[in-house]
């Protein structure tokens, strides 16, 4: 499976996670019992479906290999396999975080995302 996975996070929530040195998840993650991630090929559609028009977001890249068997790929949208983390995210697994601004067309402007 994909080594690098991605999480779209409101900046304020990520700052709290950094202060706590662990990310427990957003409200939807806590409700579902796992942290939702996307692969590089899924992230743009995730942004369009779940974060449309939202500003002040970050794209967080995570080394999926570090997460071991707590990371499970499960079918979701159209049967596509999405990475789900059944644990809190240790910040030591984070590769980088970058702003995810809205472009003039209203779509999020993504940085380069290694697979």
PDB file of N, CA and C in Angstrom:
ATOM      1  N   UNK A   1       0.844  -1.196   0.000  1.00  0.00           N
ATOM      2  CA  UNK A   1       0.000   0.000   0.000  1.00  0.00           C
ATOM      3  C   UNK A   1       0.886   1.255   0.000  1.00  0.00           C
ATOM      4  N   UNK A   2       0.222   2.384  -0.097  1.00  0.00           N
ATOM      5  CA  UNK A   2       0.910   3.663  -0.160  1.00  0.00           C
ATOM      6  C   UNK A   2       1.647   3.954   1.143  1.00  0.00           C
ATOM      7  N   UNK A   3       2.890   4.357   1.025  1.00  0.00           N
ATOM      8  CA  UNK A   3       3.693   4.657   2.205  1.00  0.00           C
ATOM      9  C   UNK A   3       3.260   5.973   2.848  1.00  0.00           C
ATOM     10  N   UNK A   4       3.146   7.038   2.054  1.00  0.00           N
ATOM     11  CA  UNK A   4       2.760   8.340   2.590  1.00  0.00           C
ATOM     12  C   UNK A   4       1.251   8.503   2.481  1.00  0.00           C
ATOM     13  N   UNK A   5       0.626   8.871   3.604  1.00  0.00           N
ATOM     14  CA  UNK A   5      -0.809   9.141   3.635  1.00  0.00           C
ATOM     15  C   UNK A   5      -1.018  10.575   4.100  1.00  0.00           C
ATOM     16  N   UNK A   6      -2.221  11.095   3.864  1.00  0.00           N
ATOM     17  CA  UNK A   6      -2.465  12.518   4.079  1.00  0.00           C
ATOM     18  C   UNK A   6      -3.721  12.756   4.896  1.00  0.00           C
ATOM     19  N   UNK A   7      -3.651  13.792   5.735  1.00  0.00           N
ATOM     20  CA  UNK A   7      -4.779  14.216   6.557  1.00  0.00           C
ATOM     21  C   UNK A   7      -5.002  15.699   6.332  1.00  0.00           C
ATOM     22  N   UNK A   8      -6.232  16.071   6.044  1.00  0.00           N
ATOM     23  CA  UNK A   8      -6.610  17.482   5.937  1.00  0.00           C
ATOM     24  C   UNK A   8      -7.159  17.883   7.300  1.00  0.00           C
ATOM     25  N   UNK A   9      -6.563  18.919   7.883  1.00  0.00           N
ATOM     26  CA  UNK A   9      -6.879  19.294   9.257  1.00  0.00           C
ATOM     27  C   UNK A   9      -7.033  20.807   9.375  1.00  0.00           C
ATOM     28  N   UNK A  10      -8.072  21.277  10.084  1.00  0.00           N
ATOM     29  CA  UNK A  10      -8.126  22.708  10.389  1.00  0.00           C
ATOM     30  C   UNK A  10      -6.881  23.110  11.184  1.00  0.00           C
ATOM     31  N   UNK A  11      -6.321  24.239  10.827  1.00  0.00           N
ATOM     32  CA  UNK A  11      -5.082  24.714  11.449  1.00  0.00           C
ATOM     33  C   UNK A  11      -5.178  24.780  12.975  1.00  0.00           C
ATOM     34  N   UNK A  12      -6.302  25.278  13.493  1.00  0.00           N
ATOM     35  CA  UNK A  12      -6.444  25.420  14.948  1.00  0.00           C
ATOM     36  C   UNK A  12      -6.412  24.055  15.648  1.00  0.00           C
ATOM     37  N   UNK A  13      -7.041  23.049  15.035  1.00  0.00           N
ATOM     38  CA  UNK A  13      -7.035  21.712  15.617  1.00  0.00           C
ATOM     39  C   UNK A  13      -5.626  21.119  15.593  1.00  0.00           C
ATOM     40  N   UNK A  14      -4.887  21.374  14.521  1.00  0.00           N
ATOM     41  CA  UNK A  14      -3.525  20.847  14.417  1.00  0.00           C
ATOM     42  C   UNK A  14      -2.600  21.510  15.430  1.00  0.00           C
ATOM     43  N   UNK A  15      -2.797  22.800  15.664  1.00  0.00           N
ATOM     44  CA  UNK A  15      -1.965  23.483  16.660  1.00  0.00           C
ATOM     45  C   UNK A  15      -2.187  22.882  18.052  1.00  0.00           C
ATOM     46  N   UNK A  16      -3.437  22.520  18.364  1.00  0.00           N
ATOM     47  CA  UNK A  16      -3.730  21.867  19.654  1.00  0.00           C
ATOM     48  C   UNK A  16      -3.035  20.510  19.724  1.00  0.00           C
ATOM     49  N   UNK A  17      -3.051  19.782  18.620  1.00  0.00           N
ATOM     50  CA  UNK A  17      -2.393  18.467  18.585  1.00  0.00           C
ATOM     51  C   UNK A  17      -0.891  18.619  18.794  1.00  0.00           C
ATOM     52  N   UNK A  18      -0.307  19.623  18.169  1.00  0.00           N
ATOM     53  CA  UNK A  18       1.131  19.839  18.334  1.00  0.00           C
ATOM     54  C   UNK A  18       1.471  20.174  19.781  1.00  0.00           C
ATOM     55  N   UNK A  19       0.619  20.950  20.413  1.00  0.00           N
ATOM     56  CA  UNK A  19       0.859  21.299  21.820  1.00  0.00           C
ATOM     57  C   UNK A  19       0.758  20.056  22.703  1.00  0.00           C
ATOM     58  N   UNK A  20      -0.178  19.158  22.368  1.00  0.00           N
ATOM     59  CA  UNK A  20      -0.377  17.931  23.144  1.00  0.00           C
ATOM     60  C   UNK A  20       0.596  16.822  22.728  1.00  0.00           C
ATOM     61  N   UNK A  21       1.264  17.033  21.580  1.00  0.00           N
ATOM     62  CA  UNK A  21       2.223  16.083  21.011  1.00  0.00           C
ATOM     63  C   UNK A  21       1.583  14.780  20.519  1.00  0.00           C
ATOM     64  N   UNK A  22       0.268  14.832  20.289  1.00  0.00           N
ATOM     65  CA  UNK A  22      -0.452  13.677  19.743  1.00  0.00           C
ATOM     66  C   UNK A  22      -1.740  14.184  19.104  1.00  0.00           C
ATOM     67  N   UNK A  23      -2.171  13.529  18.040  1.00  0.00           N
ATOM     68  CA  UNK A  23      -3.409  13.909  17.358  1.00  0.00           C
ATOM     69  C   UNK A  23      -4.434  12.795  17.563  1.00  0.00           C
ATOM     70  N   UNK A  24      -5.498  13.143  18.283  1.00  0.00           N
ATOM     71  CA  UNK A  24      -6.548  12.164  18.574  1.00  0.00           C
ATOM     72  C   UNK A  24      -7.570  12.079  17.448  1.00  0.00           C
ATOM     73  N   UNK A  25      -7.623  13.112  16.600  1.00  0.00           N
ATOM     74  CA  UNK A  25      -8.555  13.122  15.487  1.00  0.00           C
ATOM     75  C   UNK A  25      -9.508  14.305  15.554  1.00  0.00           C
ATOM     76  N   UNK A  26     -10.171  14.539  14.419  1.00  0.00           N
ATOM     77  CA  UNK A  26     -11.210  15.563  14.330  1.00  0.00           C
ATOM     78  C   UNK A  26     -12.519  14.960  14.836  1.00  0.00           C
ATOM     79  N   UNK A  27     -13.561  15.766  14.916  1.00  0.00           N
ATOM     80  CA  UNK A  27     -14.850  15.299  15.440  1.00  0.00           C
ATOM     81  C   UNK A  27     -15.350  14.056  14.691  1.00  0.00           C
ATOM     82  N   UNK A  28     -15.253  14.052  13.363  1.00  0.00           N
ATOM     83  CA  UNK A  28     -15.728  12.894  12.589  1.00  0.00           C
ATOM     84  C   UNK A  28     -14.894  11.652  12.893  1.00  0.00           C
ATOM     85  N   UNK A  29     -13.600  11.837  13.115  1.00  0.00           N
ATOM     86  CA  UNK A  29     -12.730  10.701  13.455  1.00  0.00           C
ATOM     87  C   UNK A  29     -13.139  10.101  14.800  1.00  0.00           C
ATOM     88  N   UNK A  30     -13.350  10.979  15.763  1.00  0.00           N
ATOM     89  CA  UNK A  30     -13.733  10.514  17.100  1.00  0.00           C
ATOM     90  C   UNK A  30     -15.079   9.797  17.048  1.00  0.00           C
ATOM     91  N   UNK A  31     -16.022  10.308  16.246  1.00  0.00           N
ATOM     92  CA  UNK A  31     -17.342   9.680  16.115  1.00  0.00           C
ATOM     93  C   UNK A  31     -17.242   8.314  15.436  1.00  0.00           C
ATOM     94  N   UNK A  32     -16.358   8.189  14.437  1.00  0.00           N
ATOM     95  CA  UNK A  32     -16.243   6.944  13.679  1.00  0.00           C
ATOM     96  C   UNK A  32     -15.332   5.909  14.334  1.00  0.00           C
ATOM     97  N   UNK A  33     -14.502   6.334  15.286  1.00  0.00           N
ATOM     98  CA  UNK A  33     -13.632   5.403  15.986  1.00  0.00           C
ATOM     99  C   UNK A  33     -12.289   5.171  15.320  1.00  0.00           C
ATOM    100  N   UNK A  34     -11.973   5.967  14.311  1.00  0.00           N
ATOM    101  CA  UNK A  34     -10.665   5.896  13.652  1.00  0.00           C
ATOM    102  C   UNK A  34     -10.383   7.225  12.978  1.00  0.00           C
ATOM    103  N   UNK A  35      -9.105   7.478  12.677  1.00  0.00           N
ATOM    104  CA  UNK A  35      -8.720   8.718  12.000  1.00  0.00           C
ATOM    105  C   UNK A  35      -8.719   8.457  10.501  1.00  0.00           C
ATOM    106  N   UNK A  36      -9.486   9.275   9.786  1.00  0.00           N
ATOM    107  CA  UNK A  36      -9.586   9.173   8.330  1.00  0.00           C
ATOM    108  C   UNK A  36      -8.357   9.783   7.669  1.00  0.00           C
ATOM    109  N   UNK A  37      -7.771   9.073   6.739  1.00  0.00           N
ATOM    110  CA  UNK A  37      -6.677   9.581   5.921  1.00  0.00           C
ATOM    111  C   UNK A  37      -7.028   9.362   4.462  1.00  0.00           C
ATOM    112  N   UNK A  38      -6.244   9.963   3.589  1.00  0.00           N
ATOM    113  CA  UNK A  38      -6.371   9.767   2.142  1.00  0.00           C
ATOM    114  C   UNK A  38      -4.997   9.477   1.571  1.00  0.00           C
ATOM    115  N   UNK A  39      -4.997   8.795   0.438  1.00  0.00           N
ATOM    116  CA  UNK A  39      -3.759   8.648  -0.323  1.00  0.00           C
ATOM    117  C   UNK A  39      -3.604   9.909  -1.169  1.00  0.00           C
ATOM    118  N   UNK A  40      -2.466  10.058  -1.821  1.00  0.00           N
ATOM    119  CA  UNK A  40      -2.232  11.225  -2.675  1.00  0.00           C
ATOM    120  C   UNK A  40      -3.306  11.328  -3.757  1.00  0.00           C
ATOM    121  N   UNK A  41      -3.715  10.212  -4.319  1.00  0.00           N
ATOM    122  CA  UNK A  41      -4.704  10.241  -5.396  1.00  0.00           C
ATOM    123  C   UNK A  41      -6.124  10.503  -4.884  1.00  0.00           C
ATOM    124  N   UNK A  42      -6.355  10.370  -3.595  1.00  0.00           N
ATOM    125  CA  UNK A  42      -7.687  10.574  -3.014  1.00  0.00           C
ATOM    126  C   UNK A  42      -7.869  11.938  -2.362  1.00  0.00           C
ATOM    127  N   UNK A  43      -6.787  12.619  -2.050  1.00  0.00           N
ATOM    128  CA  UNK A  43      -6.849  13.824  -1.213  1.00  0.00           C
ATOM    129  C   UNK A  43      -7.646  14.963  -1.838  1.00  0.00           C
ATOM    130  N   UNK A  44      -7.511  15.181  -3.133  1.00  0.00           N
ATOM    131  CA  UNK A  44      -8.241  16.282  -3.768  1.00  0.00           C
ATOM    132  C   UNK A  44      -9.752  16.072  -3.686  1.00  0.00           C
ATOM    133  N   UNK A  45     -10.195  14.854  -3.931  1.00  0.00           N
ATOM    134  CA  UNK A  45     -11.636  14.579  -3.842  1.00  0.00           C
ATOM    135  C   UNK A  45     -12.115  14.683  -2.399  1.00  0.00           C
ATOM    136  N   UNK A  46     -11.300  14.244  -1.448  1.00  0.00           N
ATOM    137  CA  UNK A  46     -11.647  14.387  -0.030  1.00  0.00           C
ATOM    138  C   UNK A  46     -11.837  15.862   0.314  1.00  0.00           C
ATOM    139  N   UNK A  47     -10.920  16.705  -0.146  1.00  0.00           N
ATOM    140  CA  UNK A  47     -11.036  18.147   0.111  1.00  0.00           C
ATOM    141  C   UNK A  47     -12.315  18.707  -0.496  1.00  0.00           C
ATOM    142  N   UNK A  48     -12.601  18.337  -1.745  1.00  0.00           N
ATOM    143  CA  UNK A  48     -13.788  18.850  -2.432  1.00  0.00           C
ATOM    144  C   UNK A  48     -15.080  18.383  -1.752  1.00  0.00           C
ATOM    145  N   UNK A  49     -15.115  17.148  -1.295  1.00  0.00           N
ATOM    146  CA  UNK A  49     -16.336  16.587  -0.695  1.00  0.00           C
ATOM    147  C   UNK A  49     -16.559  17.038   0.741  1.00  0.00           C
ATOM    148  N   UNK A  50     -15.494  17.093   1.518  1.00  0.00           N
ATOM    149  CA  UNK A  50     -15.657  17.290   2.964  1.00  0.00           C
ATOM    150  C   UNK A  50     -15.163  18.638   3.487  1.00  0.00           C
ATOM    151  N   UNK A  51     -14.429  19.390   2.662  1.00  0.00           N
ATOM    152  CA  UNK A  51     -13.853  20.656   3.134  1.00  0.00           C
ATOM    153  C   UNK A  51     -14.108  21.797   2.154  1.00  0.00           C
ATOM    154  N   UNK A  52     -15.090  21.652   1.278  1.00  0.00           N
ATOM    155  CA  UNK A  52     -15.363  22.660   0.246  1.00  0.00           C
ATOM    156  C   UNK A  52     -15.543  24.041   0.868  1.00  0.00           C
ATOM    157  N   UNK A  53     -14.805  25.007   0.325  1.00  0.00           N
ATOM    158  CA  UNK A  53     -14.924  26.391   0.765  1.00  0.00           C
ATOM    159  C   UNK A  53     -14.253  26.712   2.087  1.00  0.00           C
ATOM    160  N   UNK A  54     -13.686  25.726   2.755  1.00  0.00           N
ATOM    161  CA  UNK A  54     -13.052  25.978   4.050  1.00  0.00           C
ATOM    162  C   UNK A  54     -11.624  26.472   3.865  1.00  0.00           C
ATOM    163  N   UNK A  55     -11.315  27.528   4.578  1.00  0.00           N
ATOM    164  CA  UNK A  55      -9.956  28.049   4.542  1.00  0.00           C
ATOM    165  C   UNK A  55      -9.269  27.684   5.857  1.00  0.00           C
ATOM    166  N   UNK A  56      -8.028  28.092   5.994  1.00  0.00           N
ATOM    167  CA  UNK A  56      -7.232  27.828   7.193  1.00  0.00           C
ATOM    168  C   UNK A  56      -7.079  26.334   7.474  1.00  0.00           C
ATOM    169  N   UNK A  57      -6.843  25.583   6.382  1.00  0.00           N
ATOM    170  CA  UNK A  57      -6.616  24.150   6.508  1.00  0.00           C
ATOM    171  C   UNK A  57      -5.137  23.832   6.284  1.00  0.00           C
ATOM    172  N   UNK A  58      -4.719  22.699   6.814  1.00  0.00           N
ATOM    173  CA  UNK A  58      -3.374  22.185   6.575  1.00  0.00           C
ATOM    174  C   UNK A  58      -3.479  20.810   5.942  1.00  0.00           C
ATOM    175  N   UNK A  59      -2.500  20.497   5.121  1.00  0.00           N
ATOM    176  CA  UNK A  59      -2.338  19.144   4.611  1.00  0.00           C
ATOM    177  C   UNK A  59      -1.162  18.552   5.374  1.00  0.00           C
ATOM    178  N   UNK A  60      -1.413  17.450   6.069  1.00  0.00           N
ATOM    179  CA  UNK A  60      -0.392  16.813   6.892  1.00  0.00           C
ATOM    180  C   UNK A  60      -0.016  15.487   6.229  1.00  0.00           C
ATOM    181  N   UNK A  61       1.269  15.315   5.959  1.00  0.00           N
ATOM    182  CA  UNK A  61       1.780  14.074   5.364  1.00  0.00           C
ATOM    183  C   UNK A  61       2.310  13.183   6.482  1.00  0.00           C
ATOM    184  N   UNK A  62       1.945  11.913   6.407  1.00  0.00           N
ATOM    185  CA  UNK A  62       2.297  10.959   7.466  1.00  0.00           C
ATOM    186  C   UNK A  62       2.946   9.729   6.837  1.00  0.00           C
ATOM    187  N   UNK A  63       3.986   9.244   7.482  1.00  0.00           N
ATOM    188  CA  UNK A  63       4.646   8.015   7.055  1.00  0.00           C
ATOM    189  C   UNK A  63       3.811   6.838   7.542  1.00  0.00           C
ATOM    190  N   UNK A  64       3.037   6.246   6.637  1.00  0.00           N
ATOM    191  CA  UNK A  64       2.153   5.151   7.003  1.00  0.00           C
ATOM    192  C   UNK A  64       2.879   3.930   7.525  1.00  0.00           C
ATOM    193  N   UNK A  65       4.113   3.728   7.091  1.00  0.00           N
ATOM    194  CA  UNK A  65       4.872   2.558   7.536  1.00  0.00           C
ATOM    195  C   UNK A  65       5.139   2.576   9.044  1.00  0.00           C
ATOM    196  N   UNK A  66       5.230   3.759   9.615  1.00  0.00           N
ATOM    197  CA  UNK A  66       5.515   3.900  11.047  1.00  0.00           C
ATOM    198  C   UNK A  66       4.331   3.444  11.905  1.00  0.00           C
ATOM    199  N   UNK A  67       3.129   3.450  11.330  1.00  0.00           N
ATOM    200  CA  UNK A  67       1.920   3.210  12.110  1.00  0.00           C
ATOM    201  C   UNK A  67       1.607   1.735  12.338  1.00  0.00           C
ATOM    202  N   UNK A  68       2.314   0.870  11.634  1.00  0.00           N
ATOM    203  CA  UNK A  68       2.154  -0.571  11.867  1.00  0.00           C
ATOM    204  C   UNK A  68       0.749  -1.071  11.588  1.00  0.00           C
ATOM    205  N   UNK A  69       0.307  -2.023  12.399  1.00  0.00           N
ATOM    206  CA  UNK A  69      -0.980  -2.664  12.140  1.00  0.00           C
ATOM    207  C   UNK A  69      -2.180  -1.870  12.643  1.00  0.00           C
ATOM    208  N   UNK A  70      -1.942  -0.659  13.193  1.00  0.00           N
ATOM    209  CA  UNK A  70      -3.072   0.203  13.566  1.00  0.00           C
ATOM    210  C   UNK A  70      -3.617   0.938  12.336  1.00  0.00           C
ATOM    211  N   UNK A  71      -2.870   0.888  11.227  1.00  0.00           N
ATOM    212  CA  UNK A  71      -3.314   1.493   9.966  1.00  0.00           C
ATOM    213  C   UNK A  71      -3.907   0.391   9.093  1.00  0.00           C
ATOM    214  N   UNK A  72      -5.172   0.568   8.747  1.00  0.00           N
ATOM    215  CA  UNK A  72      -5.903  -0.430   7.966  1.00  0.00           C
ATOM    216  C   UNK A  72      -6.499   0.248   6.737  1.00  0.00           C
ATOM    217  N   UNK A  73      -6.344  -0.393   5.584  1.00  0.00           N
ATOM    218  CA  UNK A  73      -6.958   0.121   4.356  1.00  0.00           C
ATOM    219  C   UNK A  73      -8.319  -0.552   4.196  1.00  0.00           C
ATOM    220  N   UNK A  74      -9.371   0.278   4.165  1.00  0.00           N
ATOM    221  CA  UNK A  74     -10.727  -0.256   4.108  1.00  0.00           C
ATOM    222  C   UNK A  74     -11.512   0.394   2.976  1.00  0.00           C
ATOM    223  N   UNK A  75     -12.458  -0.349   2.386  1.00  0.00           N
ATOM    224  CA  UNK A  75     -13.237   0.204   1.276  1.00  0.00           C
ATOM    225  C   UNK A  75     -14.140   1.339   1.740  1.00  0.00           C
ATOM    226  N   UNK A  76     -14.204   2.354   0.908  1.00  0.00           N
ATOM    227  CA  UNK A  76     -15.081   3.493   1.163  1.00  0.00           C
ATOM    228  C   UNK A  76     -15.625   3.941  -0.177  1.00  0.00           C
ATOM    229  N   UNK A  77     -15.558   5.243  -0.456  1.00  0.00           N
ATOM    230  CA  UNK A  77     -16.063   5.817  -1.694  1.00  0.00           C
ATOM    231  C   UNK A  77     -15.889   4.917  -2.910  1.00  0.00           C
ATOM    232  N   UNK A  78     -16.949   4.383  -3.448  1.00  0.00           N
ATOM    233  CA  UNK A  78     -16.870   3.596  -4.661  1.00  0.00           C
ATOM    234  C   UNK A  78     -15.996   2.358  -4.548  1.00  0.00           C
ATOM    235  N   UNK A  79     -15.799   1.861  -3.324  1.00  0.00           N
ATOM    236  CA  UNK A  79     -14.984   0.665  -3.136  1.00  0.00           C
ATOM    237  C   UNK A  79     -13.492   0.932  -3.066  1.00  0.00           C
ATOM    238  N   UNK A  80     -13.092   2.203  -3.230  1.00  0.00           N
ATOM    239  CA  UNK A  80     -11.679   2.564  -3.134  1.00  0.00           C
ATOM    240  C   UNK A  80     -11.195   2.302  -1.711  1.00  0.00           C
ATOM    241  N   UNK A  81      -9.964   1.835  -1.562  1.00  0.00           N
ATOM    242  CA  UNK A  81      -9.419   1.562  -0.238  1.00  0.00           C
ATOM    243  C   UNK A  81      -8.817   2.825   0.364  1.00  0.00           C
ATOM    244  N   UNK A  82      -9.317   3.198   1.537  1.00  0.00           N
ATOM    245  CA  UNK A  82      -8.839   4.386   2.240  1.00  0.00           C
ATOM    246  C   UNK A  82      -8.088   3.977   3.498  1.00  0.00           C
ATOM    247  N   UNK A  83      -7.018   4.708   3.835  1.00  0.00           N
ATOM    248  CA  UNK A  83      -6.285   4.421   5.068  1.00  0.00           C
ATOM    249  C   UNK A  83      -7.030   4.947   6.299  1.00  0.00           C
ATOM    250  N   UNK A  84      -7.241   4.070   7.260  1.00  0.00           N
ATOM    251  CA  UNK A  84      -7.890   4.419   8.525  1.00  0.00           C
ATOM    252  C   UNK A  84      -6.954   4.034   9.660  1.00  0.00           C
ATOM    253  N   UNK A  85      -6.740   4.962  10.575  1.00  0.00           N
ATOM    254  CA  UNK A  85      -5.851   4.712  11.709  1.00  0.00           C
ATOM    255  C   UNK A  85      -6.673   4.448  12.959  1.00  0.00           C
ATOM    256  N   UNK A  86      -6.537   3.244  13.492  1.00  0.00           N
ATOM    257  CA  UNK A  86      -7.265   2.853  14.696  1.00  0.00           C
ATOM    258  C   UNK A  86      -6.413   3.093  15.938  1.00  0.00           C
ATOM    259  N   UNK A  87      -5.948   4.310  16.075  1.00  0.00           N
ATOM    260  CA  UNK A  87      -5.142   4.741  17.225  1.00  0.00           C
ATOM    261  C   UNK A  87      -4.969   6.251  17.086  1.00  0.00           C
ATOM    262  N   UNK A  88      -4.429   6.866  18.111  1.00  0.00           N
ATOM    263  CA  UNK A  88      -4.058   8.274  17.989  1.00  0.00           C
ATOM    264  C   UNK A  88      -2.820   8.359  17.094  1.00  0.00           C
ATOM    265  N   UNK A  89      -2.668   9.484  16.434  1.00  0.00           N
ATOM    266  CA  UNK A  89      -1.519   9.683  15.541  1.00  0.00           C
ATOM    267  C   UNK A  89      -0.351  10.264  16.325  1.00  0.00           C
ATOM    268  N   UNK A  90       0.737   9.512  16.448  1.00  0.00           N
ATOM    269  CA  UNK A  90       1.924  10.084  17.089  1.00  0.00           C
ATOM    270  C   UNK A  90       2.569  11.093  16.140  1.00  0.00           C
ATOM    271  N   UNK A  91       2.887  12.252  16.644  1.00  0.00           N
ATOM    272  CA  UNK A  91       3.444  13.292  15.770  1.00  0.00           C
ATOM    273  C   UNK A  91       4.806  12.912  15.222  1.00  0.00           C
ATOM    274  N   UNK A  92       5.428  11.905  15.799  1.00  0.00           N
ATOM    275  CA  UNK A  92       6.707  11.430  15.270  1.00  0.00           C
ATOM    276  C   UNK A  92       6.547  10.794  13.884  1.00  0.00           C
ATOM    277  N   UNK A  93       5.316  10.433  13.512  1.00  0.00           N
ATOM    278  CA  UNK A  93       5.057   9.844  12.197  1.00  0.00           C
ATOM    279  C   UNK A  93       4.824  10.903  11.118  1.00  0.00           C
ATOM    280  N   UNK A  94       4.722  12.163  11.520  1.00  0.00           N
ATOM    281  CA  UNK A  94       4.427  13.242  10.578  1.00  0.00           C
ATOM    282  C   UNK A  94       5.686  13.619   9.800  1.00  0.00           C
ATOM    283  N   UNK A  95       5.562  13.631   8.484  1.00  0.00           N
ATOM    284  CA  UNK A  95       6.680  13.997   7.607  1.00  0.00           C
ATOM    285  C   UNK A  95       6.744  15.506   7.394  1.00  0.00           C
ATOM    286  N   UNK A  96       5.575  16.123   7.163  1.00  0.00           N
ATOM    287  CA  UNK A  96       5.489  17.564   6.991  1.00  0.00           C
ATOM    288  C   UNK A  96       4.041  18.015   7.080  1.00  0.00           C
ATOM    289  N   UNK A  97       3.890  19.318   7.229  1.00  0.00           N
ATOM    290  CA  UNK A  97       2.572  19.948   7.184  1.00  0.00           C
ATOM    291  C   UNK A  97       2.704  21.183   6.304  1.00  0.00           C
ATOM    292  N   UNK A  98       1.702  21.401   5.458  1.00  0.00           N
ATOM    293  CA  UNK A  98       1.723  22.551   4.550  1.00  0.00           C
ATOM    294  C   UNK A  98       0.340  23.160   4.480  1.00  0.00           C
ATOM    295  N   UNK A  99       0.270  24.487   4.265  1.00  0.00           N
ATOM    296  CA  UNK A  99      -1.034  25.138   4.115  1.00  0.00           C
ATOM    297  C   UNK A  99      -1.780  24.581   2.905  1.00  0.00           C
ATOM    298  N   UNK A 100      -3.101  24.580   3.009  1.00  0.00           N
ATOM    299  CA  UNK A 100      -3.959  24.115   1.923  1.00  0.00           C
ATOM    300  C   UNK A 100      -4.923  25.250   1.581  1.00  0.00           C
ATOM    301  N   UNK A 101      -4.397  26.276   0.884  1.00  0.00           N
ATOM    302  CA  UNK A 101      -5.213  27.460   0.625  1.00  0.00           C
ATOM    303  C   UNK A 101      -6.249  27.224  -0.471  1.00  0.00           C
ATOM    304  N   UNK A 102      -7.245  28.097  -0.476  1.00  0.00           N
ATOM    305  CA  UNK A 102      -8.232  28.094  -1.548  1.00  0.00           C
ATOM    306  C   UNK A 102      -7.686  28.906  -2.707  1.00  0.00           C
ATOM    307  N   UNK A 103      -7.860  28.403  -3.906  1.00  0.00           N
ATOM    308  CA  UNK A 103      -7.452  29.131  -5.103  1.00  0.00           C
ATOM    309  C   UNK A 103      -8.557  30.036  -5.581  1.00  0.00           C
ATOM    310  N   UNK A 104      -8.292  30.825  -6.629  1.00  0.00           N
ATOM    311  CA  UNK A 104      -9.295  31.748  -7.165  1.00  0.00           C
ATOM    312  C   UNK A 104     -10.565  31.036  -7.635  1.00  0.00           C
ATOM    313  N   UNK A 105     -10.427  29.766  -8.005  1.00  0.00           N
ATOM    314  CA  UNK A 105     -11.594  29.003  -8.463  1.00  0.00           C
ATOM    315  C   UNK A 105     -12.358  28.368  -7.305  1.00  0.00           C
ATOM    316  N   UNK A 106     -11.893  28.581  -6.067  1.00  0.00           N
ATOM    317  CA  UNK A 106     -12.573  28.038  -4.895  1.00  0.00           C
ATOM    318  C   UNK A 106     -12.114  26.643  -4.522  1.00  0.00           C
ATOM    319  N   UNK A 107     -11.253  26.042  -5.349  1.00  0.00           N
ATOM    320  CA  UNK A 107     -10.727  24.708  -5.038  1.00  0.00           C
ATOM    321  C   UNK A 107      -9.432  24.852  -4.226  1.00  0.00           C
ATOM    322  N   UNK A 108      -9.170  23.874  -3.398  1.00  0.00           N
ATOM    323  CA  UNK A 108      -7.937  23.893  -2.605  1.00  0.00           C
ATOM    324  C   UNK A 108      -6.730  23.694  -3.517  1.00  0.00           C
ATOM    325  N   UNK A 109      -5.672  24.408  -3.197  1.00  0.00           N
ATOM    326  CA  UNK A 109      -4.430  24.354  -3.971  1.00  0.00           C
ATOM    327  C   UNK A 109      -3.455  23.446  -3.229  1.00  0.00           C
ATOM    328  N   UNK A 110      -3.218  22.270  -3.804  1.00  0.00           N
ATOM    329  CA  UNK A 110      -2.389  21.259  -3.151  1.00  0.00           C
ATOM    330  C   UNK A 110      -0.922  21.423  -3.490  1.00  0.00           C
ATOM    331  N   UNK A 111      -0.043  21.154  -2.519  1.00  0.00           N
ATOM    332  CA  UNK A 111       1.393  21.085  -2.808  1.00  0.00           C
ATOM    333  C   UNK A 111       1.674  19.756  -3.501  1.00  0.00           C
ATOM    334  N   UNK A 112       2.908  19.556  -3.910  1.00  0.00           N
ATOM    335  CA  UNK A 112       3.281  18.255  -4.449  1.00  0.00           C
ATOM    336  C   UNK A 112       3.160  17.215  -3.355  1.00  0.00           C
ATOM    337  N   UNK A 113       2.606  16.072  -3.712  1.00  0.00           N
ATOM    338  CA  UNK A 113       2.404  15.007  -2.737  1.00  0.00           C
ATOM    339  C   UNK A 113       3.081  13.733  -3.222  1.00  0.00           C
ATOM    340  N   UNK A 114       4.202  13.363  -2.619  1.00  0.00           N
ATOM    341  CA  UNK A 114       4.831  12.103  -2.992  1.00  0.00           C
ATOM    342  C   UNK A 114       3.915  10.934  -2.675  1.00  0.00           C
ATOM    343  N   UNK A 115       3.989   9.913  -3.478  1.00  0.00           N
ATOM    344  CA  UNK A 115       3.130   8.731  -3.259  1.00  0.00           C
ATOM    345  C   UNK A 115       3.641   7.880  -2.126  1.00  0.00           C
TER     346      UNK A 115
END
